[in-house]
Amino acid sequence: RTKLVVGYYAAVPYRKKVVQPHVPMIKFRKGGIDLAVAGTSAAPSTRPGSAQMQQSAGGATGPQVVVLPTIEDIHLPPRYQRRPIDQKEIEYINVSFDGYLNANYIMNHV
């Protein structure tokens, strides 16, 4: 039997695609992914007081990626610092999370 394909996918030839492991381009300062799982090696980081830049051996965007030192949160200008959360926002977050937990508890224990 032959399947008749109609519509948008009729003109697209069917091919299996090999899915490559996802390597995020964002590098998180505090925590993050396990580099062994992502299949990459970390470039050595610079000391905070050092002005010297390092180049990694390879990267997501090319072999000549420049690695800059990381700026900590406390050294950011006030414009880019995280604003404090007021009490109303804290209560909203707590109530929302409690509702989520209660819904999951009810779903899993009924």
Protein backbone atom coordinates (compact mmCIF):
# COMPACT_ATOMS: atom_id res chain seq x y z
CA ARG A 1 0.00 0.00 0.00
CA THR A 2 1.17 3.51 -0.75
CA LYS A 3 0.43 6.46 1.49
CA LEU A 4 -0.88 9.56 -0.19
CA VAL A 5 0.64 12.68 1.35
CA VAL A 6 -1.40 15.82 0.88
CA GLY A 7 -0.69 19.41 1.85
CA TYR A 8 2.48 21.14 2.98
CA TYR A 9 4.55 18.00 3.53
CA ALA A 10 3.79 16.55 0.10
CA ALA A 11 6.66 18.50 -1.50
CA VAL A 12 9.17 17.82 1.28
CA PRO A 13 11.18 14.62 0.83
CA TYR A 14 11.34 12.48 3.95
CA ARG A 15 14.83 12.02 5.38
CA LYS A 16 16.00 10.90 8.76
CA LYS A 17 18.06 13.57 10.45
CA VAL A 18 20.89 12.87 12.84
CA VAL A 19 20.38 14.86 16.01
CA GLN A 20 23.59 16.37 17.32
CA PRO A 21 23.97 16.81 21.08
CA HIS A 22 22.97 20.32 22.15
CA VAL A 23 25.83 22.42 23.44
CA PRO A 24 24.53 25.71 24.84
CA MET A 25 26.37 28.83 23.77
CA ILE A 26 25.60 30.57 27.08
CA LYS A 27 28.11 29.87 29.85
CA PHE A 28 26.61 30.28 33.31
CA ARG A 29 28.80 31.60 36.10
CA LYS A 30 27.09 29.88 39.01
CA GLY A 31 26.35 26.23 38.31
CA GLY A 32 25.21 25.13 34.90
CA ILE A 33 25.52 22.04 32.77
CA ASP A 34 27.99 19.22 33.27
CA LEU A 35 30.66 19.72 30.62
CA ALA A 36 31.29 15.98 30.34
CA VAL A 37 27.66 15.51 29.31
CA ALA A 38 27.86 18.29 26.72
CA GLY A 39 31.02 16.80 25.25
CA THR A 40 33.09 19.95 25.48
CA SER A 41 36.10 20.95 27.50
CA ALA A 42 36.24 24.12 29.51
CA ALA A 43 38.74 26.80 28.61
CA PRO A 44 40.87 27.93 31.55
CA SER A 45 39.52 31.10 33.11
CA THR A 46 41.52 34.23 33.79
CA ARG A 47 42.20 35.65 37.20
CA PRO A 48 39.86 38.52 38.16
CA GLY A 49 42.70 41.08 38.35
CA SER A 50 44.33 39.98 35.12
CA ALA A 51 43.82 42.05 31.99
CA GLN A 52 45.20 39.29 29.81
CA MET A 53 42.67 37.62 27.51
CA GLN A 54 42.80 33.99 26.51
CA GLN A 55 41.72 32.27 23.36
CA SER A 56 40.12 28.87 23.50
CA ALA A 57 41.28 26.03 21.29
CA GLY A 58 37.84 25.70 19.73
CA GLY A 59 34.33 26.89 20.26
CA ALA A 60 30.76 27.06 19.11
CA THR A 61 31.37 30.07 16.87
CA GLY A 62 34.84 29.27 15.61
CA PRO A 63 38.40 28.47 16.57
CA GLN A 64 39.35 32.06 17.52
CA VAL A 65 36.82 32.70 20.31
CA VAL A 66 38.09 35.22 22.87
CA VAL A 67 37.34 34.38 26.51
CA LEU A 68 36.96 37.45 28.74
CA PRO A 69 37.09 37.48 32.55
CA THR A 70 33.74 37.20 34.31
CA ILE A 71 32.25 40.25 36.05
CA GLU A 72 30.67 39.37 39.39
CA ASP A 73 27.21 40.66 40.33
CA ILE A 74 28.53 43.05 42.97
CA HIS A 75 30.75 44.82 40.42
CA LEU A 76 27.96 45.61 37.96
CA PRO A 77 26.83 49.22 37.55
CA PRO A 78 23.53 50.00 39.34
CA ARG A 79 21.76 50.10 35.98
CA TYR A 80 22.38 46.37 35.48
CA GLN A 81 22.07 45.15 39.06
CA ARG A 82 19.09 43.07 40.07
CA ARG A 83 16.42 45.16 41.73
CA PRO A 84 15.21 44.11 45.18
CA ILE A 85 11.99 42.10 45.36
CA ASP A 86 9.27 43.73 47.44
CA GLN A 87 7.08 41.83 49.92
CA LYS A 88 4.11 41.69 47.53
CA GLU A 89 6.20 39.89 44.89
CA ILE A 90 7.55 37.47 47.50
CA GLU A 91 4.02 36.57 48.61
CA TYR A 92 2.89 36.10 45.00
CA ILE A 93 5.80 33.76 44.27
CA ASN A 94 5.20 31.76 47.45
CA VAL A 95 1.46 31.44 46.82
CA SER A 96 2.03 30.43 43.19
CA PHE A 97 4.61 27.81 44.15
CA ASP A 98 2.40 26.47 46.96
CA GLY A 99 -0.45 26.09 44.47
CA TYR A 100 1.87 24.24 42.10
CA LEU A 101 3.03 21.90 44.86
CA ASN A 102 -0.52 21.25 46.04
CA ALA A 103 -1.70 20.49 42.49
CA ASN A 104 1.18 18.04 41.96
CA TYR A 105 0.53 16.39 45.32
CA ILE A 106 -3.15 15.93 44.53
CA MET A 107 -2.38 14.58 41.04
CA ASN A 108 0.15 12.05 42.35
CA HIS A 109 -1.73 10.90 45.46
CA VAL A 110 -5.30 10.45 44.25
